[in-house]
């Protein structure tokens, strides 16, 4: 799949950002990645609310092979082939995939905030005297 094909494919969905990723493209809207276009096909973000829809269509989750094993990524599922011919229904699936990606982003945010606060409090917790005692490189060389 090339970039122009993907732009046409998502025309009914709305504007998307398409960026090179791995061996294909990452597709995002509103700053949220919701699809992957790879050699193996087009994969949409899925979660517990949307996976049954993919299963009903006979779709499978994204998989890739390492030297030791096959890795299954349950958060991305292959788009049913019939949707390539139905741009309106594809747009509905894309909206559902974007919603799944947004829900996943909301679940991740609290952890990121706590980690950021911990870093700030550790830096702020250092006494000023210790920071000044180390001096500059020039002062240490003398």
N, C-alpha and C. Protein backbone atom coordinates (compact mmCIF):
# COMPACT_ATOMS: atom_id res chain seq x y z
N UNK A 1 0.84 -1.18 0.00
CA UNK A 1 0.00 0.00 0.00
C UNK A 1 0.88 1.24 0.00
N UNK A 2 0.55 2.16 -0.87
CA UNK A 2 1.33 3.40 -0.89
C UNK A 2 0.53 4.53 -0.24
N UNK A 3 1.20 5.63 -0.02
CA UNK A 3 0.62 6.78 0.68
C UNK A 3 -0.63 7.31 -0.01
N UNK A 4 -0.60 7.45 -1.33
CA UNK A 4 -1.76 7.98 -2.06
C UNK A 4 -2.98 7.06 -1.93
N UNK A 5 -2.74 5.75 -1.99
CA UNK A 5 -3.83 4.79 -1.83
C UNK A 5 -4.47 4.95 -0.45
N UNK A 6 -3.65 5.11 0.59
CA UNK A 6 -4.17 5.26 1.94
C UNK A 6 -4.95 6.56 2.11
N UNK A 7 -4.48 7.63 1.51
CA UNK A 7 -5.20 8.91 1.59
C UNK A 7 -6.58 8.76 0.95
N UNK A 8 -6.64 8.12 -0.21
CA UNK A 8 -7.94 7.88 -0.87
C UNK A 8 -8.82 6.95 -0.04
N UNK A 9 -8.23 5.95 0.57
CA UNK A 9 -8.97 4.97 1.35
C UNK A 9 -9.68 5.62 2.54
N UNK A 10 -9.03 6.60 3.16
CA UNK A 10 -9.58 7.25 4.34
C UNK A 10 -10.31 8.55 4.03
N UNK A 11 -10.62 8.80 2.77
CA UNK A 11 -11.26 10.05 2.37
C UNK A 11 -12.60 10.26 3.08
N UNK A 12 -13.42 9.22 3.21
CA UNK A 12 -14.72 9.36 3.89
C UNK A 12 -14.57 9.50 5.39
N UNK A 13 -13.47 9.04 5.94
CA UNK A 13 -13.22 9.15 7.38
C UNK A 13 -12.86 10.57 7.77
N UNK A 14 -12.03 11.20 6.97
CA UNK A 14 -11.57 12.55 7.27
C UNK A 14 -10.06 12.62 7.14
N UNK A 15 -9.48 13.75 7.49
CA UNK A 15 -8.04 13.91 7.32
C UNK A 15 -7.26 12.99 8.27
N UNK A 16 -6.23 12.37 7.72
CA UNK A 16 -5.35 11.50 8.50
C UNK A 16 -3.91 11.93 8.27
N UNK A 17 -3.07 11.60 9.22
CA UNK A 17 -1.64 11.80 9.09
C UNK A 17 -1.02 10.44 8.84
N UNK A 18 -0.20 10.35 7.82
CA UNK A 18 0.42 9.08 7.45
C UNK A 18 1.93 9.26 7.56
N UNK A 19 2.55 8.43 8.42
CA UNK A 19 3.99 8.53 8.65
C UNK A 19 4.64 7.17 8.46
N UNK A 20 5.86 7.19 7.95
CA UNK A 20 6.62 5.95 7.79
C UNK A 20 6.80 5.30 9.16
N UNK A 21 6.58 3.99 9.21
CA UNK A 21 6.73 3.27 10.47
C UNK A 21 7.05 1.81 10.13
N UNK A 22 8.06 1.27 10.74
CA UNK A 22 8.47 -0.12 10.50
C UNK A 22 8.60 -0.35 8.99
N UNK A 23 7.88 -1.34 8.48
CA UNK A 23 7.96 -1.62 7.05
C UNK A 23 6.76 -1.06 6.31
N UNK A 24 6.11 -0.06 6.88
CA UNK A 24 4.92 0.51 6.26
C UNK A 24 4.64 1.90 6.78
N UNK A 25 3.38 2.11 7.21
CA UNK A 25 2.94 3.42 7.65
C UNK A 25 2.12 3.33 8.93
N UNK A 26 2.23 4.35 9.75
CA UNK A 26 1.34 4.55 10.89
C UNK A 26 0.33 5.59 10.48
N UNK A 27 -0.93 5.36 10.79
CA UNK A 27 -2.00 6.26 10.38
C UNK A 27 -2.64 6.83 11.65
N UNK A 28 -2.73 8.16 11.72
CA UNK A 28 -3.27 8.79 12.92
C UNK A 28 -4.24 9.90 12.56
N UNK A 29 -5.06 10.23 13.53
CA UNK A 29 -5.99 11.36 13.44
C UNK A 29 -6.02 12.01 14.82
N UNK A 30 -6.08 13.31 14.84
CA UNK A 30 -6.09 14.05 16.11
C UNK A 30 -4.89 13.68 16.99
N UNK A 31 -3.76 13.36 16.37
CA UNK A 31 -2.55 13.04 17.11
C UNK A 31 -2.54 11.65 17.73
N UNK A 32 -3.50 10.80 17.38
CA UNK A 32 -3.59 9.46 17.95
C UNK A 32 -3.45 8.42 16.84
N UNK A 33 -2.48 7.53 16.99
CA UNK A 33 -2.27 6.47 15.99
C UNK A 33 -3.37 5.41 16.16
N UNK A 34 -4.10 5.12 15.08
CA UNK A 34 -5.20 4.15 15.17
C UNK A 34 -5.11 3.05 14.13
N UNK A 35 -4.13 3.10 13.23
CA UNK A 35 -4.02 2.06 12.20
C UNK A 35 -2.57 1.91 11.77
N UNK A 36 -2.26 0.70 11.28
CA UNK A 36 -0.95 0.39 10.72
C UNK A 36 -1.15 -0.21 9.34
N UNK A 37 -0.45 0.32 8.37
CA UNK A 37 -0.47 -0.24 7.02
C UNK A 37 0.91 -0.87 6.81
N UNK A 38 0.93 -2.20 6.80
CA UNK A 38 2.19 -2.93 6.69
C UNK A 38 2.12 -3.88 5.50
N UNK A 39 3.23 -4.52 5.22
CA UNK A 39 3.24 -5.50 4.12
C UNK A 39 2.16 -6.56 4.31
N UNK A 40 1.91 -6.92 5.56
CA UNK A 40 0.94 -7.97 5.86
C UNK A 40 -0.51 -7.50 5.73
N UNK A 41 -0.75 -6.22 5.58
CA UNK A 41 -2.11 -5.71 5.43
C UNK A 41 -2.36 -4.44 6.24
N UNK A 42 -3.63 -4.10 6.35
CA UNK A 42 -4.04 -2.91 7.10
C UNK A 42 -4.63 -3.37 8.43
N UNK A 43 -4.12 -2.82 9.51
CA UNK A 43 -4.53 -3.22 10.85
C UNK A 43 -5.08 -2.02 11.60
N UNK A 44 -6.24 -2.22 12.25
CA UNK A 44 -6.88 -1.16 13.03
C UNK A 44 -6.71 -1.44 14.52
N UNK A 45 -6.63 -0.37 15.29
CA UNK A 45 -6.54 -0.49 16.75
C UNK A 45 -7.84 -1.11 17.25
N UNK A 46 -7.72 -2.02 18.21
CA UNK A 46 -8.90 -2.70 18.76
C UNK A 46 -8.75 -2.83 20.26
N UNK A 47 -9.89 -2.99 20.93
CA UNK A 47 -9.90 -3.23 22.37
C UNK A 47 -11.07 -4.16 22.69
N UNK A 48 -11.35 -4.32 23.97
CA UNK A 48 -12.40 -5.26 24.37
C UNK A 48 -13.76 -4.92 23.77
N UNK A 49 -13.98 -3.67 23.42
CA UNK A 49 -15.26 -3.28 22.82
C UNK A 49 -15.34 -3.59 21.33
N UNK A 50 -14.22 -3.55 20.62
CA UNK A 50 -14.24 -3.72 19.17
C UNK A 50 -13.72 -5.07 18.68
N UNK A 51 -12.99 -5.79 19.49
CA UNK A 51 -12.46 -7.09 19.06
C UNK A 51 -13.57 -8.04 18.61
N UNK A 52 -14.72 -8.11 19.30
CA UNK A 52 -15.77 -9.02 18.82
C UNK A 52 -16.21 -8.74 17.38
N UNK A 53 -16.19 -7.49 16.98
CA UNK A 53 -16.54 -7.12 15.60
C UNK A 53 -15.52 -7.71 14.62
N UNK A 54 -14.25 -7.64 14.96
CA UNK A 54 -13.21 -8.22 14.11
C UNK A 54 -13.34 -9.75 14.06
N UNK A 55 -13.59 -10.35 15.22
CA UNK A 55 -13.73 -11.80 15.28
C UNK A 55 -14.91 -12.27 14.43
N UNK A 56 -16.01 -11.53 14.47
CA UNK A 56 -17.19 -11.90 13.69
C UNK A 56 -16.90 -11.89 12.19
N UNK A 57 -15.95 -11.07 11.77
CA UNK A 57 -15.56 -10.97 10.36
C UNK A 57 -14.48 -11.99 9.98
N UNK A 58 -13.99 -12.73 10.99
CA UNK A 58 -12.94 -13.71 10.72
C UNK A 58 -11.55 -13.11 10.67
N UNK A 59 -11.40 -11.91 11.17
CA UNK A 59 -10.09 -11.24 11.18
C UNK A 59 -9.20 -11.82 12.27
N UNK A 60 -7.91 -11.55 12.15
CA UNK A 60 -6.94 -12.02 13.12
C UNK A 60 -6.10 -10.85 13.62
N UNK A 61 -5.53 -10.99 14.83
CA UNK A 61 -4.67 -9.91 15.33
C UNK A 61 -3.35 -9.87 14.56
N UNK A 62 -2.69 -8.74 14.65
CA UNK A 62 -1.39 -8.56 14.01
C UNK A 62 -0.38 -9.53 14.63
N UNK A 63 0.42 -10.16 13.80
CA UNK A 63 1.47 -11.06 14.27
C UNK A 63 2.75 -10.79 13.50
N UNK A 64 3.86 -11.00 14.18
CA UNK A 64 5.14 -10.95 13.50
C UNK A 64 6.05 -12.03 14.08
N UNK A 65 7.04 -12.38 13.31
CA UNK A 65 7.93 -13.47 13.65
C UNK A 65 9.27 -12.94 14.13
N UNK A 66 9.74 -13.43 15.26
CA UNK A 66 11.11 -13.18 15.70
C UNK A 66 11.89 -14.46 15.42
N UNK A 67 13.15 -14.47 15.75
CA UNK A 67 13.94 -15.69 15.54
C UNK A 67 13.44 -16.84 16.41
N UNK A 68 12.90 -16.49 17.57
CA UNK A 68 12.52 -17.52 18.53
C UNK A 68 11.04 -17.87 18.53
N UNK A 69 10.18 -16.92 18.14
CA UNK A 69 8.75 -17.18 18.30
C UNK A 69 7.91 -16.25 17.44
N UNK A 70 6.61 -16.52 17.43
CA UNK A 70 5.64 -15.65 16.78
C UNK A 70 5.00 -14.77 17.86
N UNK A 71 5.03 -13.47 17.66
CA UNK A 71 4.47 -12.52 18.62
C UNK A 71 3.11 -12.05 18.09
N UNK A 72 2.10 -12.11 18.94
CA UNK A 72 0.76 -11.64 18.59
C UNK A 72 0.49 -10.33 19.31
N UNK A 73 0.07 -9.33 18.56
CA UNK A 73 -0.25 -8.01 19.12
C UNK A 73 -1.76 -7.86 19.08
N UNK A 74 -2.41 -8.11 20.21
CA UNK A 74 -3.87 -8.11 20.26
C UNK A 74 -4.50 -6.73 20.17
N UNK A 75 -3.71 -5.69 20.19
CA UNK A 75 -4.28 -4.35 20.11
C UNK A 75 -4.47 -3.86 18.68
N UNK A 76 -3.98 -4.61 17.70
CA UNK A 76 -4.20 -4.28 16.28
C UNK A 76 -4.72 -5.52 15.56
N UNK A 77 -5.85 -5.35 14.84
CA UNK A 77 -6.48 -6.46 14.12
C UNK A 77 -6.59 -6.12 12.65
N UNK A 78 -6.48 -7.15 11.81
CA UNK A 78 -6.51 -6.95 10.36
C UNK A 78 -7.91 -6.52 9.91
N UNK A 79 -7.93 -5.52 9.07
CA UNK A 79 -9.18 -5.02 8.52
C UNK A 79 -9.75 -6.05 7.54
N UNK A 80 -11.03 -6.37 7.64
CA UNK A 80 -11.63 -7.31 6.68
C UNK A 80 -11.49 -6.78 5.25
N UNK A 81 -11.13 -7.67 4.33
CA UNK A 81 -10.86 -7.28 2.94
C UNK A 81 -12.05 -6.63 2.27
N UNK A 82 -13.27 -7.02 2.64
CA UNK A 82 -14.46 -6.47 1.99
C UNK A 82 -14.59 -4.95 2.20
N UNK A 83 -13.96 -4.43 3.26
CA UNK A 83 -14.10 -3.00 3.55
C UNK A 83 -13.30 -2.12 2.60
N UNK A 84 -12.36 -2.69 1.87
CA UNK A 84 -11.60 -1.90 0.90
C UNK A 84 -12.51 -1.41 -0.23
N UNK A 85 -13.64 -2.07 -0.42
CA UNK A 85 -14.59 -1.69 -1.48
C UNK A 85 -15.76 -0.87 -0.95
N UNK A 86 -15.82 -0.64 0.35
CA UNK A 86 -16.94 0.09 0.96
C UNK A 86 -16.38 1.21 1.85
N UNK A 87 -16.13 2.36 1.23
CA UNK A 87 -15.45 3.44 1.95
C UNK A 87 -16.27 3.99 3.11
N UNK A 88 -17.59 3.96 3.01
CA UNK A 88 -18.42 4.46 4.12
C UNK A 88 -18.32 3.56 5.34
N UNK A 89 -18.40 2.25 5.13
CA UNK A 89 -18.28 1.33 6.27
C UNK A 89 -16.85 1.32 6.81
N UNK A 90 -15.87 1.46 5.92
CA UNK A 90 -14.49 1.55 6.37
C UNK A 90 -14.33 2.77 7.28
N UNK A 91 -14.98 3.87 6.95
CA UNK A 91 -14.90 5.07 7.79
C UNK A 91 -15.50 4.80 9.18
N UNK A 92 -16.57 4.00 9.26
CA UNK A 92 -17.16 3.65 10.55
C UNK A 92 -16.17 2.82 11.38
N UNK A 93 -15.53 1.85 10.72
CA UNK A 93 -14.54 1.03 11.41
C UNK A 93 -13.35 1.89 11.86
N UNK A 94 -12.96 2.85 11.04
CA UNK A 94 -11.85 3.74 11.40
C UNK A 94 -12.21 4.60 12.61
N UNK A 95 -13.45 5.08 12.67
CA UNK A 95 -13.89 5.86 13.83
C UNK A 95 -13.87 4.99 15.09
N UNK A 96 -14.29 3.73 14.97
CA UNK A 96 -14.25 2.81 16.11
C UNK A 96 -12.81 2.54 16.53
N UNK A 97 -11.91 2.41 15.57
CA UNK A 97 -10.49 2.18 15.87
C UNK A 97 -9.88 3.41 16.55
N UNK A 98 -10.23 4.59 16.08
CA UNK A 98 -9.75 5.82 16.71
C UNK A 98 -10.26 5.91 18.15
N UNK A 99 -11.51 5.56 18.37
CA UNK A 99 -12.08 5.58 19.72
C UNK A 99 -11.34 4.58 20.62
N UNK A 100 -11.02 3.40 20.10
CA UNK A 100 -10.27 2.40 20.87
C UNK A 100 -8.89 2.93 21.22
N UNK A 101 -8.24 3.59 20.28
CA UNK A 101 -6.91 4.17 20.53
C UNK A 101 -6.99 5.28 21.57
N UNK A 102 -8.03 6.09 21.51
CA UNK A 102 -8.20 7.15 22.50
C UNK A 102 -8.46 6.59 23.89
N UNK A 103 -9.25 5.51 23.98
CA UNK A 103 -9.49 4.87 25.28
C UNK A 103 -8.18 4.32 25.84
N UNK A 104 -7.36 3.72 24.98
CA UNK A 104 -6.07 3.19 25.42
C UNK A 104 -5.16 4.31 25.91
N UNK A 105 -5.19 5.44 25.23
CA UNK A 105 -4.36 6.58 25.64
C UNK A 105 -4.80 7.11 27.00
N UNK A 106 -6.10 7.12 27.25
CA UNK A 106 -6.60 7.59 28.55
C UNK A 106 -6.17 6.67 29.68
N UNK A 107 -6.12 5.38 29.40
CA UNK A 107 -5.69 4.43 30.43
C UNK A 107 -4.22 4.58 30.75
N UNK A 108 -3.41 5.02 29.81
CA UNK A 108 -1.97 5.15 30.02
C UNK A 108 -1.60 6.45 30.72
N UNK A 109 -2.36 7.48 30.54
CA UNK A 109 -1.98 8.81 31.04
C UNK A 109 -1.70 8.88 32.53
N UNK A 110 -2.54 8.35 33.42
CA UNK A 110 -2.26 8.51 34.85
C UNK A 110 -0.89 7.98 35.24
N UNK A 111 -0.44 6.88 34.67
CA UNK A 111 0.87 6.34 34.99
C UNK A 111 1.96 7.31 34.57
N UNK A 112 1.82 7.90 33.40
CA UNK A 112 2.83 8.83 32.90
C UNK A 112 2.91 10.06 33.80
N UNK A 113 1.77 10.55 34.26
CA UNK A 113 1.79 11.73 35.13
C UNK A 113 2.49 11.43 36.44
N UNK A 114 2.20 10.24 37.02
CA UNK A 114 2.85 9.89 38.28
C UNK A 114 4.36 9.78 38.11
N UNK A 115 4.80 9.21 37.02
CA UNK A 115 6.24 9.07 36.77
C UNK A 115 6.88 10.45 36.61
N UNK A 116 6.21 11.34 35.91
CA UNK A 116 6.75 12.69 35.72
C UNK A 116 6.84 13.43 37.05
N UNK A 117 5.83 13.28 37.90
CA UNK A 117 5.85 13.93 39.22
C UNK A 117 6.99 13.38 40.06
N UNK A 118 7.23 12.09 39.99
CA UNK A 118 8.30 11.48 40.77
C UNK A 118 9.65 12.03 40.34
N UNK A 119 9.87 12.22 39.05
CA UNK A 119 11.13 12.77 38.55
C UNK A 119 11.32 14.19 39.06
N UNK A 120 10.27 15.00 38.97
CA UNK A 120 10.35 16.39 39.41
C UNK A 120 10.64 16.45 40.90
N UNK A 121 9.95 15.65 41.71
CA UNK A 121 10.14 15.72 43.15
C UNK A 121 11.54 15.24 43.54
N UNK A 122 12.10 14.27 42.80
CA UNK A 122 13.47 13.82 43.10
C UNK A 122 14.47 14.94 42.81
N UNK A 123 14.29 15.64 41.69
CA UNK A 123 15.21 16.72 41.35
C UNK A 123 15.08 17.86 42.35
N UNK A 124 13.86 18.20 42.70
CA UNK A 124 13.63 19.30 43.63
C UNK A 124 14.09 18.93 45.03
N UNK A 125 14.16 17.65 45.35
CA UNK A 125 14.53 17.20 46.68
C UNK A 125 16.01 17.31 46.99
N UNK A 126 16.86 17.54 46.01
CA UNK A 126 18.30 17.67 46.26
C UNK A 126 18.58 19.00 46.95
N UNK A 127 19.35 18.98 48.01
CA UNK A 127 19.69 20.25 48.67
C UNK A 127 20.54 21.14 47.77
N UNK A 128 20.30 22.42 47.84
CA UNK A 128 21.02 23.38 47.01
C UNK A 128 22.51 23.36 47.32
N UNK A 129 22.89 23.13 48.58
CA UNK A 129 24.30 23.14 48.96
C UNK A 129 25.07 22.04 48.22
N UNK A 130 24.49 20.89 48.04
CA UNK A 130 25.18 19.81 47.36
C UNK A 130 25.41 20.15 45.90
N UNK A 131 24.43 20.80 45.29
CA UNK A 131 24.59 21.16 43.88
C UNK A 131 25.70 22.18 43.71
N UNK A 132 25.82 23.14 44.61
CA UNK A 132 26.85 24.16 44.49
C UNK A 132 28.23 23.60 44.83
N UNK A 133 28.31 22.63 45.71
CA UNK A 133 29.59 22.10 46.15
C UNK A 133 30.34 21.42 45.02
N UNK A 134 29.64 20.85 44.06
CA UNK A 134 30.32 20.16 42.97
C UNK A 134 31.02 21.15 42.05
N UNK A 135 30.53 22.35 41.94
CA UNK A 135 31.18 23.38 41.16
C UNK A 135 31.13 23.13 39.65
N UNK A 136 31.86 23.93 38.92
CA UNK A 136 31.92 23.79 37.47
C UNK A 136 33.11 22.93 37.09
N UNK A 137 33.22 22.59 35.85
CA UNK A 137 34.35 21.77 35.38
C UNK A 137 35.66 22.52 35.58
N UNK A 138 35.66 23.80 35.27
CA UNK A 138 36.89 24.58 35.42
C UNK A 138 37.37 24.60 36.87
N UNK A 139 36.42 24.75 37.80
CA UNK A 139 36.79 24.81 39.20
C UNK A 139 37.35 23.47 39.67
N UNK A 140 36.82 22.38 39.14
CA UNK A 140 37.28 21.04 39.56
C UNK A 140 38.67 20.74 38.98
N UNK A 141 38.98 21.28 37.82
CA UNK A 141 40.27 21.02 37.18
C UNK A 141 41.42 21.66 37.95
N UNK A 142 41.19 22.80 38.56
CA UNK A 142 42.26 23.57 39.23
C UNK A 142 42.74 22.92 40.46
